[in-house]
Amino acid sequence: MARSLTIKAALSWPIRTLILWLMCFSQWSLADPTKVVVMTSYPQEVVSQFEAAFEQQYPQYKLEVLWRQSRDAMAYIQDTSHRVDVYWSPAQRNFAQLEKMQAFQPLNIDLDGLPAAVNGFALREGNHIATEIAGYGIVSNPQALASAGLAAPRSWTDLADPAFNGKIALPVPSKVGYAPPLIDILLQGYGWQDGWNLLQAIAANAELVTSGATFVSDDVASGRLLAGLTIDFFTASAIANGAPLQFVYPELTGYSPAHLAILKNAGNPAGAQAFSRFVLSEKGQKLLFHPDIRKLPVRPSVYADKPADYFNPFENNPVFVYDTRRGLARQDIINALFDAIITRNHASLQHALSAIREASRQLGADALNVVKARQLLNTLPIDEAGAESITSLDPVEADHWRHIMHDRYEEAARIATTY
């Protein structure tokens, strides 16, 4: 009897596996050929525009939309029992990781008229492709600036002017989804040392924006703050809805792409290809001009029909090309350093830089104590090579960076106030 039960138990696992496999095969083989399952993190106002236009052009298909934010999307896709035909989202890290996992199949659609890059910024890699891009820049309130007697900031360095003290919005990269590339654009564009020093000066003037806070554009539109560092589509949508704002792309800027890919285990590859073709087509790309969307198309030809004053990245001549791969590889380290240098020492940084600015006014920028204080304030806890060599972030080390910077800020303030 015991032997019989053992044999049954031994046979139960392969039999159960076979039954489950047959059930999945049956479900997938009998899958509704009219249904196209699209996973995205885009809001309803974006998806609804594309859904209606796609189903009008391809009446043989119906979209089934699965909304998932980045972390949840990865877990869902990695579970192969779930059916997803198309992944379409502004989630760079997810696409890079899924590409490495060979989770996508070739698009097998005509890409004629779609450049591989914009100003050196790659728009496709492997089996995933950018469907739109968003640019980083500065939002400001012209009326509030005029009342304050200040000119509109047009470069990142303008935001470091002490005249903007207390009137800048700066997003924290560990808390705000679009912010990591924004911070790294300054580090890559100005260089590691000068970039961090610029961020310190801007942060000293700023309120820090974290998760759950109002949009940067909302605080600037209200006039409570004069300007902020942000991504274009938030401001563009606000302006389209009547907000008293303006947005400029500094000479040194970069882009954040949204991508599309067809999953290797797509249940409806033909429908997935149809949706992919539509999103990248002239008609699909022109939907990005809609006031509720306001993204930058990746098909250059559609800019002939762009709204007035709409930015065309294909006509922009950048002073540098942001290295997305490098940015993604060091994102966690940059986030931790930003928190150590700025977020968790914000009050100490503001106090130290305020003391240095006052000493500079009193004694001159070349005064010995001013120079020493500024050098101490600007000394970073790790250099670029050291930061990029870190493969796994140690929270203890990150906290050590925080203590180092706190002590340096306190000492810098003491030196600056010793006349």
Foldseek 3Di string as FASTA:
>chain_A
DVVVVVVCVVVVVVVVVVVVVVVLCVCLVPPDLQEAEEEEQDDPVLVVLLQVVLCVVVVSHHYDYHYDPDVRVLVQLVPVSDAHFKYWYLDVVSVVVCVVVVFFDALPDDCPLFDQAALPHGQDDRRKGFFFKWKKWKKFFVVLCVVLVHDDDQALLVLLPCSLAQFEEEEQPVFDPVRLLVLVLLCVVVHPLVSVLSVLSNLLRYDYDGHPGDDRLVCRLVSVHGMYIDIPLVNQLVVLVPRRMDIHHHLRMAIRTIMMGTTPSHSHSVVSSSSVCQCLDLNNQLSCLPSNRVTGGSRQVNCVVHDPPRDHSNPRNHPDYDDVVLSSLLSVLVSLQCCLLDVVCPVLSSLLVVLLVVLCVVPNCPDPLSVVLSVLLSDAPDHPVVSSVDNDDDVVVSVVRNVSNSVSSVVSSVSSPPD
